[in-house]
Amino acid sequence: MAPTLDNESSLFNFVVRDGNGVKGIVDSGISKVPQAYIQPHAEQIDKKSASKCEIPPIDLSKLDGPDHDEVVNQIVRAAETLGFFQVVNHGVPVQLLDSLKQTAHNFFSLPAERKAVYRKEVSPSPLVKYGTSFVPEKERALEWKDYISMAYTNDDEALQQWPIECRDVALQFLKTSHEMVRNLLEALLGNLGEELDDSKIDAFIGKKMVNMNFYPTCPNPELTVGVGRHSDMGTLTILLQDGIGGLYIWSNGRYKSAEHRVRTTSTKSRVSIPIFTSPLPTQKVAPLPQVVKKDGVARYREFVF
């Protein structure tokens, strides 16, 4: 049964509590965006004012050859200026990436009751959360997206607790991406005078999470957003489809975590699959001493992540 779109309480229950998500609203046959999803004018995305990024993709396979230093420089320049960059020849099979996108579409096409079991309030596992928007009970304007979030502790727990419909391919993505993440970290840390070895790697990426995001078609894409403006707070975010970005507190502000948003479209539903990497929760985070010495100032105090 379609939601009563003029009743926000009914709409909220239909979308959030019953597990229908934004996809359920779209499937009900709406012709306009419900009021709860209309962003303030300042937050609406004007596609006409956008410009195209001309930075070419970075070929990571060249890290193993004579062009190693040039590739490192490309990574560093992108991290220092834009905070986002796209990589190719990264070692993750294209067939796996295609399978991931199809698996995400399949998951969000499941019946609402199958997805609702993973809602934050009732999920059988603290590692898994299905939701829509970010904090829907508190937001003035909701986001036009649904997502499933899967935190990683170890392989056995992932296979036991992640949703059966997407666990295998999501875990494979996480594991096959590890070498790419490590290569990027080595390049970025090396530029700051820090060598990455096995004893240090958990300090940077000891905590990992895979998300699958679903952005249904939207009848008025100019009025809403898939994700509102934010910066990622971890070490590196690896995003299938759109690019790669990251935040490095250790860089003393040298590398940027770019503020970004996600727009919606009226033509086709889309998915994205990010891997979020961050320090372990108990890890102390501070600017690298050699960077502070060079900069002459520590721009961040030490804190427990």
Protein backbone atom coordinates (compact mmCIF):
# COMPACT_ATOMS: atom_id res chain seq x y z
CA MET A 1 0.00 0.00 0.00
CA ALA A 2 1.35 3.44 -0.91
CA PRO A 3 2.29 5.81 1.95
CA THR A 4 0.14 8.78 2.83
CA LEU A 5 2.50 11.39 1.50
CA ASP A 6 0.77 14.32 3.17
CA ASN A 7 1.29 12.74 6.60
CA GLU A 8 4.94 12.93 7.65
CA SER A 9 4.55 10.50 10.55
CA SER A 10 3.01 7.90 8.27
CA LEU A 11 5.69 8.53 5.65
CA PHE A 12 8.48 8.17 8.23
CA ASN A 13 7.08 4.86 9.49
CA PHE A 14 6.64 3.54 5.94
CA VAL A 15 10.18 4.48 4.96
CA VAL A 16 12.16 3.86 8.15
CA ARG A 17 10.30 1.49 10.47
CA ASP A 18 8.79 -0.78 7.82
CA GLY A 19 12.01 -1.05 5.81
CA ASN A 20 10.60 0.26 2.53
CA GLY A 21 13.23 2.98 2.27
CA VAL A 22 13.18 5.68 -0.37
CA LYS A 23 12.88 2.93 -2.95
CA GLY A 24 9.46 2.11 -1.49
CA ILE A 25 8.31 5.69 -2.00
CA VAL A 26 9.43 5.61 -5.62
CA ASP A 27 7.83 2.21 -6.22
CA SER A 28 4.53 3.57 -4.90
CA GLY A 29 4.30 5.74 -8.03
CA ILE A 30 4.90 9.25 -6.69
CA SER A 31 5.08 12.13 -9.16
CA LYS A 32 6.79 14.67 -6.87
CA VAL A 33 9.26 14.64 -4.00
CA PRO A 34 7.57 14.54 -0.55
CA GLN A 35 8.03 17.70 1.51
CA ALA A 36 10.25 15.91 4.05
CA TYR A 37 12.90 15.40 1.34
CA ILE A 38 13.00 18.94 -0.04
CA GLN A 39 16.30 20.53 0.92
CA PRO A 40 16.66 24.20 1.90
CA HIS A 41 17.46 26.25 -1.19
CA ALA A 42 21.11 26.72 -0.14
CA GLU A 43 21.58 22.94 0.00
CA GLN A 44 20.01 22.16 -3.36
CA ILE A 45 22.56 21.24 -6.05
CA ASP A 46 22.64 23.46 -9.13
CA LYS A 47 23.97 21.17 -11.85
CA LYS A 48 24.33 24.11 -14.25
CA SER A 49 27.00 25.73 -12.08
CA ALA A 50 29.13 22.58 -11.88
CA SER A 51 32.42 22.28 -13.72
CA LYS A 52 34.16 19.14 -14.91
CA CYS A 53 37.29 17.96 -13.12
CA GLU A 54 40.08 17.64 -15.68
CA ILE A 55 42.51 15.61 -13.55
CA PRO A 56 43.10 12.34 -15.44
CA PRO A 57 42.82 8.95 -13.68
CA ILE A 58 45.99 7.75 -11.93
CA ASP A 59 47.45 4.46 -13.18
CA LEU A 60 48.46 2.54 -10.06
CA SER A 61 50.12 -0.26 -12.04
CA LYS A 62 52.95 2.18 -12.80
CA LEU A 63 53.95 2.22 -9.12
CA ASP A 64 55.89 -0.98 -9.90
CA GLY A 65 57.91 0.52 -12.76
CA PRO A 66 60.20 3.40 -13.72
CA ASP A 67 57.33 5.91 -13.39
CA HIS A 68 56.90 5.17 -9.66
CA ASP A 69 57.95 8.63 -8.45
CA GLU A 70 55.73 10.42 -10.96
CA VAL A 71 52.70 8.36 -9.90
CA VAL A 72 53.42 9.14 -6.24
CA ASN A 73 53.58 12.83 -7.15
CA GLN A 74 50.22 12.57 -8.92
CA ILE A 75 48.63 10.98 -5.83
CA VAL A 76 50.16 13.58 -3.49
CA ARG A 77 49.15 16.55 -5.68
CA ALA A 78 45.55 15.32 -5.88
CA ALA A 79 45.39 14.72 -2.12
CA GLU A 80 46.83 18.17 -1.38
CA THR A 81 44.57 20.07 -3.76
CA LEU A 82 41.27 18.37 -4.57
CA GLY A 83 41.08 15.62 -1.95
CA PHE A 84 39.59 13.24 -4.53
CA PHE A 85 41.19 11.26 -7.33
CA GLN A 86 40.30 8.37 -9.58
CA VAL A 87 42.52 5.33 -10.04
CA VAL A 88 42.77 2.69 -12.76
CA ASN A 89 44.73 -0.58 -13.02
CA HIS A 90 44.35 -0.89 -9.24
CA GLY A 91 44.37 -4.68 -8.98
CA VAL A 92 40.68 -5.20 -8.15
CA PRO A 93 39.10 -7.29 -10.94
CA VAL A 94 36.55 -5.44 -13.05
CA GLN A 95 34.31 -8.53 -12.95
CA LEU A 96 34.19 -8.21 -9.15
CA LEU A 97 33.26 -4.52 -9.39
CA ASP A 98 30.46 -5.32 -11.84
CA SER A 99 29.25 -8.11 -9.54
CA LEU A 100 29.26 -5.71 -6.59
CA LYS A 101 27.05 -3.20 -8.36
CA GLN A 102 24.61 -5.89 -9.46
CA THR A 103 24.55 -7.36 -5.95
CA ALA A 104 23.73 -3.94 -4.51
CA HIS A 105 20.82 -3.52 -6.92
CA ASN A 106 19.62 -7.02 -6.00
CA PHE A 107 19.78 -6.34 -2.27
CA PHE A 108 17.75 -3.14 -2.45
CA SER A 109 15.18 -4.91 -4.62
CA LEU A 110 14.45 -7.39 -1.81
CA PRO A 111 11.05 -7.25 -0.07
CA ALA A 112 10.91 -4.55 2.62
CA GLU A 113 10.56 -7.05 5.45
CA ARG A 114 13.83 -8.76 4.44
CA LYS A 115 15.73 -5.46 4.70
CA ALA A 116 13.89 -4.21 7.79
CA VAL A 117 15.43 -6.93 9.99
CA TYR A 118 18.73 -5.01 9.77
CA ARG A 119 17.36 -1.66 10.97
CA LYS A 120 19.58 -0.18 13.69
CA GLU A 121 16.98 -0.73 16.40
CA VAL A 122 16.42 -4.42 15.67
CA SER A 123 19.46 -5.69 13.73
CA PRO A 124 20.59 -9.13 14.92
CA SER A 125 24.20 -7.97 14.61
CA PRO A 126 25.97 -4.81 15.80
CA LEU A 127 28.05 -5.08 12.63
CA VAL A 128 25.14 -4.56 10.24
CA LYS A 129 22.81 -1.59 9.81
CA TYR A 130 20.21 -0.93 7.14
CA GLY A 131 18.91 2.60 6.92
CA THR A 132 17.82 5.57 4.90
CA SER A 133 19.17 9.10 5.17
CA PHE A 134 21.78 9.55 7.93
CA VAL A 135 19.93 10.34 11.16
CA PRO A 136 16.35 10.48 9.84
CA GLU A 137 14.77 11.09 13.24
CA LYS A 138 16.76 14.33 13.63
CA GLU A 139 17.20 15.75 10.13
CA ARG A 140 15.28 18.76 8.89
CA ALA A 141 15.41 17.44 5.35
CA LEU A 142 15.88 13.75 4.59
CA GLU A 143 18.34 12.32 2.06
CA TRP A 144 17.24 10.47 -1.07
CA LYS A 145 19.10 7.22 -0.41
CA ASP A 146 18.97 3.78 1.21
CA TYR A 147 22.02 1.94 2.48
CA ILE A 148 23.33 -1.20 4.13
CA SER A 149 26.43 -0.80 6.30
CA MET A 150 28.68 -3.77 7.18
CA ALA A 151 31.46 -3.32 9.74
CA TYR A 152 34.41 -5.69 9.48
CA THR A 153 36.04 -7.45 12.43
CA ASN A 154 37.22 -10.71 10.88
CA ASP A 155 36.27 -13.04 8.04
CA ASP A 156 34.31 -15.50 10.20
CA GLU A 157 32.08 -12.83 11.76
CA ALA A 158 31.49 -11.22 8.38
CA LEU A 159 30.39 -14.53 6.86
CA GLN A 160 28.16 -15.26 9.85
CA GLN A 161 26.58 -11.85 10.35
CA TRP A 162 26.59 -9.85 7.11
CA PRO A 163 23.45 -10.30 4.97
CA ILE A 164 23.66 -13.53 3.00
CA GLU A 165 22.61 -11.72 -0.20
CA CYS A 166 25.75 -9.56 -0.31
CA ARG A 167 28.28 -10.88 2.21
CA ASP A 168 30.52 -12.91 -0.12
CA VAL A 169 31.05 -10.27 -2.78
CA ALA A 170 31.39 -7.44 -0.21
CA LEU A 171 34.02 -9.38 1.73
CA GLN A 172 35.90 -10.18 -1.47
CA PHE A 173 35.89 -6.47 -2.38
CA LEU A 174 37.27 -5.56 1.04
CA LYS A 175 40.05 -8.12 0.89
CA THR A 176 41.12 -7.54 -2.73
CA SER A 177 41.21 -3.77 -2.14
CA HIS A 178 43.72 -4.06 0.72
CA GLU A 179 46.79 -3.89 -1.52
CA MET A 180 45.45 -0.80 -3.29
CA VAL A 181 44.80 0.92 0.05
CA ARG A 182 48.26 0.03 1.27
CA ASN A 183 49.90 1.36 -1.91
CA LEU A 184 48.05 4.66 -1.59
CA LEU A 185 48.97 4.97 2.09
CA GLU A 186 52.63 4.23 1.37
CA ALA A 187 52.70 6.95 -1.27
CA LEU A 188 51.01 9.55 0.89
CA LEU A 189 52.91 8.76 4.09
CA GLY A 190 56.22 8.46 2.27
CA ASN A 191 55.79 12.01 1.03
CA LEU A 192 55.54 13.07 4.69
CA GLY A 193 58.69 11.18 5.67
CA GLU A 194 56.88 8.25 7.31
CA GLU A 195 57.53 4.65 6.34
CA LEU A 196 54.56 2.26 6.46
CA ASP A 197 55.28 -1.24 7.76
CA ASP A 198 53.15 -4.10 9.07
CA SER A 199 53.49 -2.98 12.69
CA LYS A 200 51.96 0.43 11.91
CA ILE A 201 49.22 -0.41 9.43
CA ASP A 202 46.43 -0.95 12.01
CA ALA A 203 47.17 2.51 13.38
CA PHE A 204 45.90 3.86 10.07
CA ILE A 205 43.37 1.36 8.71
CA GLY A 206 42.67 -1.10 11.54
CA LYS A 207 38.93 -0.47 11.32
CA LYS A 208 37.07 -1.14 8.06
CA MET A 209 33.48 -0.96 6.87
CA VAL A 210 31.76 -1.68 3.56
CA ASN A 211 28.59 0.20 2.60
CA MET A 212 26.22 -0.31 -0.27
CA ASN A 213 24.32 2.87 -1.14
CA PHE A 214 21.22 3.01 -3.32
CA TYR A 215 19.96 6.22 -4.93
CA PRO A 216 16.54 5.65 -6.52
CA THR A 217 15.32 7.73 -9.43
CA CYS A 218 13.88 11.02 -8.23
CA PRO A 219 11.02 12.96 -9.86
CA ASN A 220 12.50 16.33 -8.78
CA PRO A 221 16.26 15.82 -8.46
CA GLU A 222 16.89 19.54 -8.22
CA LEU A 223 14.99 19.70 -4.89
CA THR A 224 16.76 17.00 -2.89
CA VAL A 225 20.15 15.33 -2.41
CA GLY A 226 21.34 11.75 -2.22
CA VAL A 227 23.79 12.72 0.52
CA GLY A 228 24.18 16.17 2.03
CA ARG A 229 27.46 18.02 2.40
CA HIS A 230 29.99 16.23 4.59
CA SER A 231 33.63 15.20 4.86
CA ASP A 232 34.69 11.62 5.56
CA MET A 233 36.47 11.33 8.90
CA GLY A 234 38.53 8.19 8.39
CA THR A 235 41.90 7.57 6.77
CA LEU A 236 40.94 6.62 3.22
CA THR A 237 37.57 6.12 1.55
CA ILE A 238 37.66 3.86 -1.49
CA LEU A 239 34.54 4.47 -3.56
CA LEU A 240 33.49 2.17 -6.35
CA GLN A 241 32.09 4.20 -9.26
CA ASP A 242 32.90 7.79 -8.43
CA GLY A 243 36.48 8.09 -7.15
CA ILE A 244 38.66 8.02 -4.08
CA GLY A 245 39.08 10.58 -1.30
CA GLY A 246 40.43 10.70 2.23
CA LEU A 247 41.33 12.57 5.36
CA TYR A 248 44.73 12.42 7.00
CA ILE A 249 44.87 14.10 10.41
CA TRP A 250 48.46 12.84 10.54
CA SER A 251 49.31 15.08 7.64
CA ASN A 252 48.86 18.17 9.86
CA GLY A 253 46.26 19.41 7.38
CA ARG A 254 48.51 18.78 4.36
CA TYR A 255 46.05 16.36 2.75
CA LYS A 256 42.42 17.36 2.37
CA SER A 257 39.21 15.56 3.19
CA ALA A 258 37.10 17.30 0.60
CA GLU A 259 33.57 18.32 1.46
CA HIS A 260 31.28 16.53 -0.95
CA ARG A 261 27.64 15.75 -1.70
CA VAL A 262 25.71 13.29 -3.85
CA ARG A 263 23.11 14.48 -6.31
CA THR A 264 20.06 12.54 -7.45
CA THR A 265 18.84 11.89 -10.96
CA SER A 266 15.48 11.36 -12.63
CA THR A 267 16.78 8.97 -15.27
CA LYS A 268 18.19 5.89 -13.55
CA SER A 269 18.66 4.43 -10.08
CA ARG A 270 22.31 4.15 -9.13
CA VAL A 271 24.49 2.50 -6.52
CA SER A 272 27.86 3.22 -4.96
CA ILE A 273 29.94 0.94 -2.76
CA PRO A 274 32.45 2.66 -0.46
CA ILE A 275 35.03 1.05 1.80
CA PHE A 276 35.71 3.23 4.83
CA THR A 277 39.08 2.72 6.53
CA SER A 278 40.01 4.36 9.82
CA PRO A 279 42.22 3.85 12.87
CA LEU A 280 41.19 1.45 15.60
CA PRO A 281 38.98 3.24 18.18
CA THR A 282 41.72 3.08 20.84
CA GLN A 283 44.39 4.53 18.55
CA LYS A 284 45.95 7.87 19.49
CA VAL A 285 45.92 10.28 16.57
CA ALA A 286 48.24 13.26 16.23
CA PRO A 287 50.21 15.13 13.55
CA LEU A 288 53.42 13.34 12.58
CA PRO A 289 56.36 14.90 14.51
CA GLN A 290 58.49 15.37 11.39
CA VAL A 291 55.63 17.25 9.69
CA VAL A 292 55.10 19.48 12.73
CA LYS A 293 58.83 20.24 12.79
CA LYS A 294 58.76 21.20 9.12
CA ASP A 295 55.53 23.24 9.42
CA GLY A 296 56.54 24.90 12.67
CA VAL A 297 53.12 24.31 14.22
CA ALA A 298 50.85 21.41 15.20
CA ARG A 299 47.45 22.20 13.73
CA TYR A 300 45.67 19.44 15.70
CA ARG A 301 46.01 18.22 19.29
CA GLU A 302 46.52 14.56 20.06
CA PHE A 303 43.30 12.61 20.74
CA VAL A 304 42.00 9.06 20.98
CA PHE A 305 40.19 8.26 17.75
